[in-house]
C-alpha atoms as a PDB file:
ATOM      1  CA  MET A   1       8.513   0.094  48.871  1.00  0.00           C
ATOM      2  CA  ALA A   2       7.730   3.472  50.247  1.00  0.00           C
ATOM      3  CA  LYS A   3       4.361   3.867  51.933  1.00  0.00           C
ATOM      4  CA  VAL A   4       2.247   5.245  48.840  1.00  0.00           C
ATOM      5  CA  ASN A   5       0.246   8.705  50.093  1.00  0.00           C
ATOM      6  CA  GLN A   6      -3.453   8.067  50.744  1.00  0.00           C
ATOM      7  CA  ASN A   7      -4.910  11.349  50.241  1.00  0.00           C
ATOM      8  CA  ASN A   8      -3.246  10.665  47.068  1.00  0.00           C
ATOM      9  CA  LEU A   9      -4.600   8.021  46.576  1.00  0.00           C
ATOM     10  CA  LEU A  10      -8.479   9.209  46.731  1.00  0.00           C
ATOM     11  CA  ALA A  11      -7.646  11.743  43.970  1.00  0.00           C
ATOM     12  CA  ILE A  12      -6.282   8.901  41.251  1.00  0.00           C
ATOM     13  CA  GLY A  13      -9.418   7.267  42.501  1.00  0.00           C
ATOM     14  CA  ASN A  14     -11.723  10.295  42.709  1.00  0.00           C
ATOM     15  CA  ASN A  15     -10.633  11.484  39.120  1.00  0.00           C
ATOM     16  CA  LEU A  16     -10.463   8.415  37.534  1.00  0.00           C
ATOM     17  CA  ASN A  17     -13.163   9.534  34.825  1.00  0.00           C
ATOM     18  CA  LYS A  18     -11.040  11.641  34.099  1.00  0.00           C
ATOM     19  CA  PHE A  19      -8.350  10.725  33.247  1.00  0.00           C
ATOM     20  CA  VAL A  20     -10.401   7.565  30.745  1.00  0.00           C
ATOM     21  CA  LEU A  21     -11.679  10.530  28.924  1.00  0.00           C
ATOM     22  CA  MET A  22      -8.323  11.515  28.479  1.00  0.00           C
ATOM     23  CA  SER A  23      -5.787  10.122  25.923  1.00  0.00           C
ATOM     24  CA  THR A  24      -2.820  10.820  27.177  1.00  0.00           C
ATOM     25  CA  ALA A  25      -4.138   8.996  30.337  1.00  0.00           C
ATOM     26  CA  PRO A  26      -1.727   5.872  30.169  1.00  0.00           C
ATOM     27  CA  LYS A  27       1.102   7.325  29.915  1.00  0.00           C
ATOM     28  CA  TYR A  28       0.224   9.683  33.280  1.00  0.00           C
ATOM     29  CA  THR A  29      -2.043   7.381  35.124  1.00  0.00           C
ATOM     30  CA  PRO A  30       0.171   5.827  38.365  1.00  0.00           C
ATOM     31  CA  HIS A  31      -0.386   2.377  38.103  1.00  0.00           C
ATOM     32  CA  TYR A  32      -0.151  -0.081  41.155  1.00  0.00           C
ATOM     33  CA  THR A  33       0.039  -3.884  42.089  1.00  0.00           C
ATOM     34  CA  TYR A  34      -0.743  -6.302  44.848  1.00  0.00           C
ATOM     35  CA  GLU A  35       2.545  -5.334  46.684  1.00  0.00           C
ATOM     36  CA  ASP A  36       1.867  -1.591  46.921  1.00  0.00           C
ATOM     37  CA  TYR A  37      -1.733  -2.022  47.940  1.00  0.00           C
ATOM     38  CA  LEU A  38      -0.597  -4.600  50.918  1.00  0.00           C
ATOM     39  CA  LEU A  39       0.895  -1.257  52.295  1.00  0.00           C
ATOM     40  CA  TRP A  40      -2.191   1.311  52.156  1.00  0.00           C
ATOM     41  CA  GLU A  41      -3.731   1.542  55.142  1.00  0.00           C
ATOM     42  CA  GLY A  42      -7.707   1.926  55.672  1.00  0.00           C
ATOM     43  CA  ARG A  43      -9.410   0.091  52.970  1.00  0.00           C
ATOM     44  CA  TRP A  44      -9.240  -0.086  49.312  1.00  0.00           C
ATOM     45  CA  GLU A  45      -9.902  -2.411  45.696  1.00  0.00           C
ATOM     46  CA  LEU A  46      -7.569  -1.874  43.426  1.00  0.00           C
ATOM     47  CA  ILE A  47      -8.880  -2.628  39.967  1.00  0.00           C
ATOM     48  CA  GLY A  48      -5.747  -2.667  36.461  1.00  0.00           C
ATOM     49  CA  GLY A  49      -3.711  -0.346  38.636  1.00  0.00           C
ATOM     50  CA  ILE A  50      -6.312   2.031  39.745  1.00  0.00           C
ATOM     51  CA  PRO A  51      -7.213   2.600  43.217  1.00  0.00           C
ATOM     52  CA  TYR A  52     -10.748   3.133  44.269  1.00  0.00           C
ATOM     53  CA  ALA A  53     -10.951   3.541  48.415  1.00  0.00           C
ATOM     54  CA  MET A  54     -14.200   2.016  50.358  1.00  0.00           C
ATOM     55  CA  SER A  55     -14.885   4.261  52.140  1.00  0.00           C
ATOM     56  CA  PRO A  56     -16.698   5.673  54.000  1.00  0.00           C
ATOM     57  CA  SER A  57     -17.291   2.864  56.169  1.00  0.00           C
ATOM     58  CA  PRO A  58     -20.933   1.037  55.477  1.00  0.00           C
ATOM     59  CA  ASN A  59     -23.928   2.517  56.845  1.00  0.00           C
ATOM     60  CA  TYR A  60     -26.236   0.940  58.738  1.00  0.00           C
ATOM     61  CA  LYS A  61     -29.051  -0.312  56.589  1.00  0.00           C
ATOM     62  CA  HIS A  62     -26.040  -1.969  54.104  1.00  0.00           C
ATOM     63  CA  GLN A  63     -24.440  -3.818  57.697  1.00  0.00           C
ATOM     64  CA  LYS A  64     -27.496  -5.411  58.578  1.00  0.00           C
ATOM     65  CA  VAL A  65     -28.757  -6.549  55.221  1.00  0.00           C
ATOM     66  CA  ALA A  66     -25.256  -8.366  54.766  1.00  0.00           C
ATOM     67  CA  THR A  67     -25.132  -9.314  57.918  1.00  0.00           C
ATOM     68  CA  GLU A  68     -28.847 -11.521  57.311  1.00  0.00           C
ATOM     69  CA  LEU A  69     -28.001 -12.431  54.262  1.00  0.00           C
ATOM     70  CA  SER A  70     -24.744 -13.769  54.431  1.00  0.00           C
ATOM     71  CA  SER A  71     -26.340 -15.879  57.936  1.00  0.00           C
ATOM     72  CA  LEU A  72     -29.119 -16.061  55.095  1.00  0.00           C
ATOM     73  CA  PHE A  73     -26.061 -18.377  52.721  1.00  0.00           C
ATOM     74  CA  VAL A  74     -24.147 -19.868  55.999  1.00  0.00           C
ATOM     75  CA  PHE A  75     -27.716 -22.122  56.894  1.00  0.00           C
ATOM     76  CA  ALA A  76     -28.441 -22.942  52.894  1.00  0.00           C
ATOM     77  CA  LEU A  77     -24.803 -24.270  53.226  1.00  0.00           C
ATOM     78  CA  LYS A  78     -24.778 -26.372  55.980  1.00  0.00           C
ATOM     79  CA  GLN A  79     -25.994 -29.678  54.009  1.00  0.00           C
ATOM     80  CA  CYS A  80     -23.355 -28.572  51.289  1.00  0.00           C
ATOM     81  CA  LYS A  81     -20.503 -29.657  52.480  1.00  0.00           C
ATOM     82  CA  GLN A  82     -17.748 -28.388  49.997  1.00  0.00           C
ATOM     83  CA  CYS A  83     -19.417 -24.661  49.190  1.00  0.00           C
ATOM     84  CA  THR A  84     -18.808 -21.548  52.104  1.00  0.00           C
ATOM     85  CA  ALA A  85     -20.058 -18.355  51.791  1.00  0.00           C
ATOM     86  CA  LEU A  86     -17.760 -15.293  52.895  1.00  0.00           C
ATOM     87  CA  GLN A  87     -17.504 -11.826  54.315  1.00  0.00           C
ATOM     88  CA  PRO A  88     -15.368  -9.474  52.719  1.00  0.00           C
ATOM     89  CA  PHE A  89     -11.975 -11.412  52.098  1.00  0.00           C
ATOM     90  CA  ASP A  90      -9.849 -10.381  49.283  1.00  0.00           C
ATOM     91  CA  TRP A  91      -9.894 -12.593  45.718  1.00  0.00           C
ATOM     92  CA  LYS A  92      -6.384 -10.861  44.467  1.00  0.00           C
ATOM     93  CA  VAL A  93      -7.367 -11.317  40.455  1.00  0.00           C
ATOM     94  CA  LYS A  94      -3.725 -10.018  38.764  1.00  0.00           C
ATOM     95  CA  ASP A  95      -1.401  -8.658  40.137  1.00  0.00           C
ATOM     96  CA  ASN A  96      -2.584  -5.373  39.402  1.00  0.00           C
ATOM     97  CA  THR A  97      -6.341  -6.364  40.662  1.00  0.00           C
ATOM     98  CA  VAL A  98      -8.234  -7.121  43.879  1.00  0.00           C
ATOM     99  CA  LEU A  99     -11.723  -6.854  44.728  1.00  0.00           C
ATOM    100  CA  GLN A 100     -13.579  -7.787  47.921  1.00  0.00           C
ATOM    101  CA  PRO A 101     -16.708  -8.499  47.125  1.00  0.00           C
ATOM    102  CA  ASP A 102     -19.784  -7.427  49.838  1.00  0.00           C
ATOM    103  CA  LEU A 103     -20.569 -11.796  50.258  1.00  0.00           C
ATOM    104  CA  LEU A 104     -18.806 -14.684  48.038  1.00  0.00           C
ATOM    105  CA  VAL A 105     -19.572 -18.377  48.055  1.00  0.00           C
ATOM    106  CA  ILE A 106     -16.740 -21.194  47.122  1.00  0.00           C
ATOM    107  CA  CYS A 107     -16.925 -24.123  46.197  1.00  0.00           C
ATOM    108  CA  LYS A 108     -12.942 -25.471  46.581  1.00  0.00           C
ATOM    109  CA  PRO A 109     -10.389 -25.118  49.808  1.00  0.00           C
ATOM    110  CA  ILE A 110      -8.291 -21.864  49.563  1.00  0.00           C
ATOM    111  CA  ASN A 111      -4.650 -22.497  48.692  1.00  0.00           C
ATOM    112  CA  ASN A 112      -3.564 -19.213  50.186  1.00  0.00           C
ATOM    113  CA  ASN A 113      -4.620 -17.705  53.753  1.00  0.00           C
ATOM    114  CA  ASN A 114      -4.756 -14.377  52.858  1.00  0.00           C
ATOM    115  CA  PHE A 115      -6.351 -14.282  49.692  1.00  0.00           C
ATOM    116  CA  LEU A 116      -8.625 -15.420  47.160  1.00  0.00           C
ATOM    117  CA  ASP A 117      -7.144 -17.097  43.945  1.00  0.00           C
ATOM    118  CA  PHE A 118     -10.086 -18.991  42.025  1.00  0.00           C
ATOM    119  CA  PRO A 119     -13.271 -16.849  40.593  1.00  0.00           C
ATOM    120  CA  PRO A 120     -15.571 -17.553  43.323  1.00  0.00           C
ATOM    121  CA  GLU A 121     -19.115 -19.429  43.068  1.00  0.00           C
ATOM    122  CA  LEU A 122     -20.933 -16.535  43.713  1.00  0.00           C
ATOM    123  CA  VAL A 123     -20.218 -11.976  44.516  1.00  0.00           C
ATOM    124  CA  VAL A 124     -22.460  -9.628  46.629  1.00  0.00           C
ATOM    125  CA  GLU A 125     -21.959  -6.634  46.171  1.00  0.00           C
ATOM    126  CA  ILE A 126     -24.433  -4.047  47.875  1.00  0.00           C
ATOM    127  CA  ILE A 127     -23.933  -0.497  46.148  1.00  0.00           C
ATOM    128  CA  SER A 128     -24.614   2.637  47.113  1.00  0.00           C
ATOM    129  CA  PRO A 129     -24.615   5.920  45.437  1.00  0.00           C
ATOM    130  CA  SER A 130     -20.558   6.269  44.982  1.00  0.00           C
ATOM    131  CA  SER A 131     -20.370   3.023  44.143  1.00  0.00           C
ATOM    132  CA  SER A 132     -23.512   1.778  42.254  1.00  0.00           C
ATOM    133  CA  VAL A 133     -20.828   2.875  38.650  1.00  0.00           C
ATOM    134  CA  THR A 134     -18.007   0.856  39.614  1.00  0.00           C
ATOM    135  CA  ASP A 135     -19.927  -2.087  40.613  1.00  0.00           C
ATOM    136  CA  ARG A 136     -22.623  -2.071  37.722  1.00  0.00           C
ATOM    137  CA  ARG A 137     -19.523  -1.262  35.071  1.00  0.00           C
ATOM    138  CA  GLU A 138     -16.530  -2.174  35.741  1.00  0.00           C
ATOM    139  CA  LYS A 139     -17.026  -4.620  38.075  1.00  0.00           C
ATOM    140  CA  TYR A 140     -19.496  -6.620  35.910  1.00  0.00           C
ATOM    141  CA  GLU A 141     -17.253  -7.052  33.192  1.00  0.00           C
ATOM    142  CA  ILE A 142     -14.336  -8.782  35.528  1.00  0.00           C
ATOM    143  CA  TYR A 143     -17.021 -10.872  37.481  1.00  0.00           C
ATOM    144  CA  GLU A 144     -18.703 -11.911  33.657  1.00  0.00           C
ATOM    145  CA  SER A 145     -14.890 -12.925  32.384  1.00  0.00           C
ATOM    146  CA  GLN A 146     -13.676 -14.539  35.515  1.00  0.00           C
ATOM    147  CA  GLY A 147     -16.642 -16.925  35.431  1.00  0.00           C
ATOM    148  CA  VAL A 148     -18.476 -15.674  38.187  1.00  0.00           C
ATOM    149  CA  LYS A 149     -21.560 -18.113  37.891  1.00  0.00           C
ATOM    150  CA  TYR A 150     -24.558 -15.873  39.739  1.00  0.00           C
ATOM    151  CA  TYR A 151     -23.448 -12.182  40.731  1.00  0.00           C
ATOM    152  CA  ILE A 152     -26.266 -10.446  43.025  1.00  0.00           C
ATOM    153  CA  ILE A 153     -26.634  -6.526  43.017  1.00  0.00           C
ATOM    154  CA  ILE A 154     -28.777  -5.921  46.147  1.00  0.00           C
ATOM    155  CA  ASP A 155     -29.556  -1.658  46.230  1.00  0.00           C
ATOM    156  CA  PRO A 156     -30.402  -0.697  50.087  1.00  0.00           C
ATOM    157  CA  GLY A 157     -31.571   2.588  49.459  1.00  0.00           C
ATOM    158  CA  PHE A 158     -34.238   0.889  46.857  1.00  0.00           C
ATOM    159  CA  ASN A 159     -35.206  -2.368  47.902  1.00  0.00           C
ATOM    160  CA  LYS A 160     -34.455  -4.536  45.237  1.00  0.00           C
ATOM    161  CA  VAL A 161     -32.360  -7.837  44.766  1.00  0.00           C
ATOM    162  CA  GLU A 162     -30.863  -8.359  40.879  1.00  0.00           C
ATOM    163  CA  ILE A 163     -29.529 -11.496  40.245  1.00  0.00           C
ATOM    164  CA  PHE A 164     -27.492 -12.498  37.633  1.00  0.00           C
ATOM    165  CA  GLU A 165     -26.231 -15.840  35.723  1.00  0.00           C
ATOM    166  CA  LYS A 166     -23.639 -16.506  33.134  1.00  0.00           C
ATOM    167  CA  ILE A 167     -24.934 -18.145  30.998  1.00  0.00           C
ATOM    168  CA  ALA A 168     -23.312 -19.739  27.488  1.00  0.00           C
ATOM    169  CA  ILE A 169     -20.799 -16.855  27.396  1.00  0.00           C
ATOM    170  CA  GLY A 170     -22.285 -13.551  29.642  1.00  0.00           C
ATOM    171  CA  TYR A 171     -24.790 -13.144  32.186  1.00  0.00           C
ATOM    172  CA  GLN A 172     -28.256 -12.633  32.135  1.00  0.00           C
ATOM    173  CA  ALA A 173     -30.825 -11.353  34.307  1.00  0.00           C
ATOM    174  CA  VAL A 174     -32.498 -14.115  36.252  1.00  0.00           C
ATOM    175  CA  ALA A 175     -34.527 -12.914  38.427  1.00  0.00           C
ATOM    176  CA  VAL A 176     -35.229  -9.153  40.431  1.00  0.00           C
ATOM    177  CA  ASN A 177     -36.458  -8.766  43.800  1.00  0.00           C
ATOM    178  CA  PRO A 178     -37.217 -12.693  44.157  1.00  0.00           C
ATOM    179  CA  SER A 179     -39.004 -13.562  47.449  1.00  0.00           C
ATOM    180  CA  GLU A 180     -36.819 -16.886  46.701  1.00  0.00           C
ATOM    181  CA  PHE A 181     -34.289 -17.956  44.314  1.00  0.00           C
ATOM    182  CA  THR A 182     -32.040 -21.638  44.386  1.00  0.00           C
ATOM    183  CA  PHE A 183     -28.320 -21.423  42.832  1.00  0.00           C
ATOM    184  CA  THR A 184     -27.016 -24.239  41.508  1.00  0.00           C
ATOM    185  CA  LEU A 185     -23.575 -23.995  42.820  1.00  0.00           C
ATOM    186  CA  GLU A 186     -22.049 -27.215  42.503  1.00  0.00           C
ATOM    187  CA  GLU A 187     -23.879 -30.895  40.458  1.00  0.00           C
ATOM    188  CA  ASP A 188     -24.843 -31.517  44.210  1.00  0.00           C
ATOM    189  CA  CYS A 189     -25.375 -28.024  45.635  1.00  0.00           C
ATOM    190  CA  LYS A 190     -28.038 -26.512  45.318  1.00  0.00           C
ATOM    191  CA  ALA A 191     -28.691 -22.974  48.243  1.00  0.00           C
ATOM    192  CA  THR A 192     -32.056 -21.758  48.655  1.00  0.00           C
ATOM    193  CA  ILE A 193     -31.972 -17.999  49.776  1.00  0.00           C
ATOM    194  CA  ASN A 194     -35.648 -16.460  50.803  1.00  0.00           C
ATOM    195  CA  PHE A 195     -35.242 -13.244  50.191  1.00  0.00           C
ATOM    196  CA  SER A 196     -38.463 -11.854  51.302  1.00  0.00           C
ATOM    197  CA  GLU A 197     -37.230 -10.279  55.107  1.00  0.00           C
ATOM    198  CA  LEU A 198     -33.808  -9.329  53.325  1.00  0.00           C
ATOM    199  CA  PHE A 199     -35.393  -5.434  54.114  1.00  0.00           C
ATOM    200  CA  ALA A 200     -37.504  -5.633  57.164  1.00  0.00           C
ATOM    201  CA  ASP A 201     -37.143  -3.339  60.050  1.00  0.00           C
END
């Protein structure tokens, strides 16, 4: 399979909104798969066959929040042997959809060392101005439809934490900027996270 030109991929991702507004978009929009995704340089996500560039690299505050939150979950899950917190790791939702949440918690053994092939119990997206729409729209819908129990959206620009929990058929906002929250991941596995110092300098 030929290597895909990175500039073309970026152009496709940046112009997605134009494509979806055109009635002829499905006919002319390139459709990529997991096999194509493996050939790309840099960090990408694939949603419905459309590539999304994960660049530029996350800024300092994003990385600081990601590192702190990962540490909090790793510590909270010490007594829960079946659940594990992972930093960005490929989740192959479908052959044309591959996501890399900023943090995910799984409670099953991984079957493939290269990607996750089942829904996590919890995902975190640390949003930026360039990713906010995708994180709140496309990814929200995917996480909800795939049965991810908790979706946490963190906005470092506004020091904001939003927690969504799948209750009945869809997500409900269960907390905004909580000082502490307990996630029930499995019947005998709970993780209590203290968010109060998450944005501390």
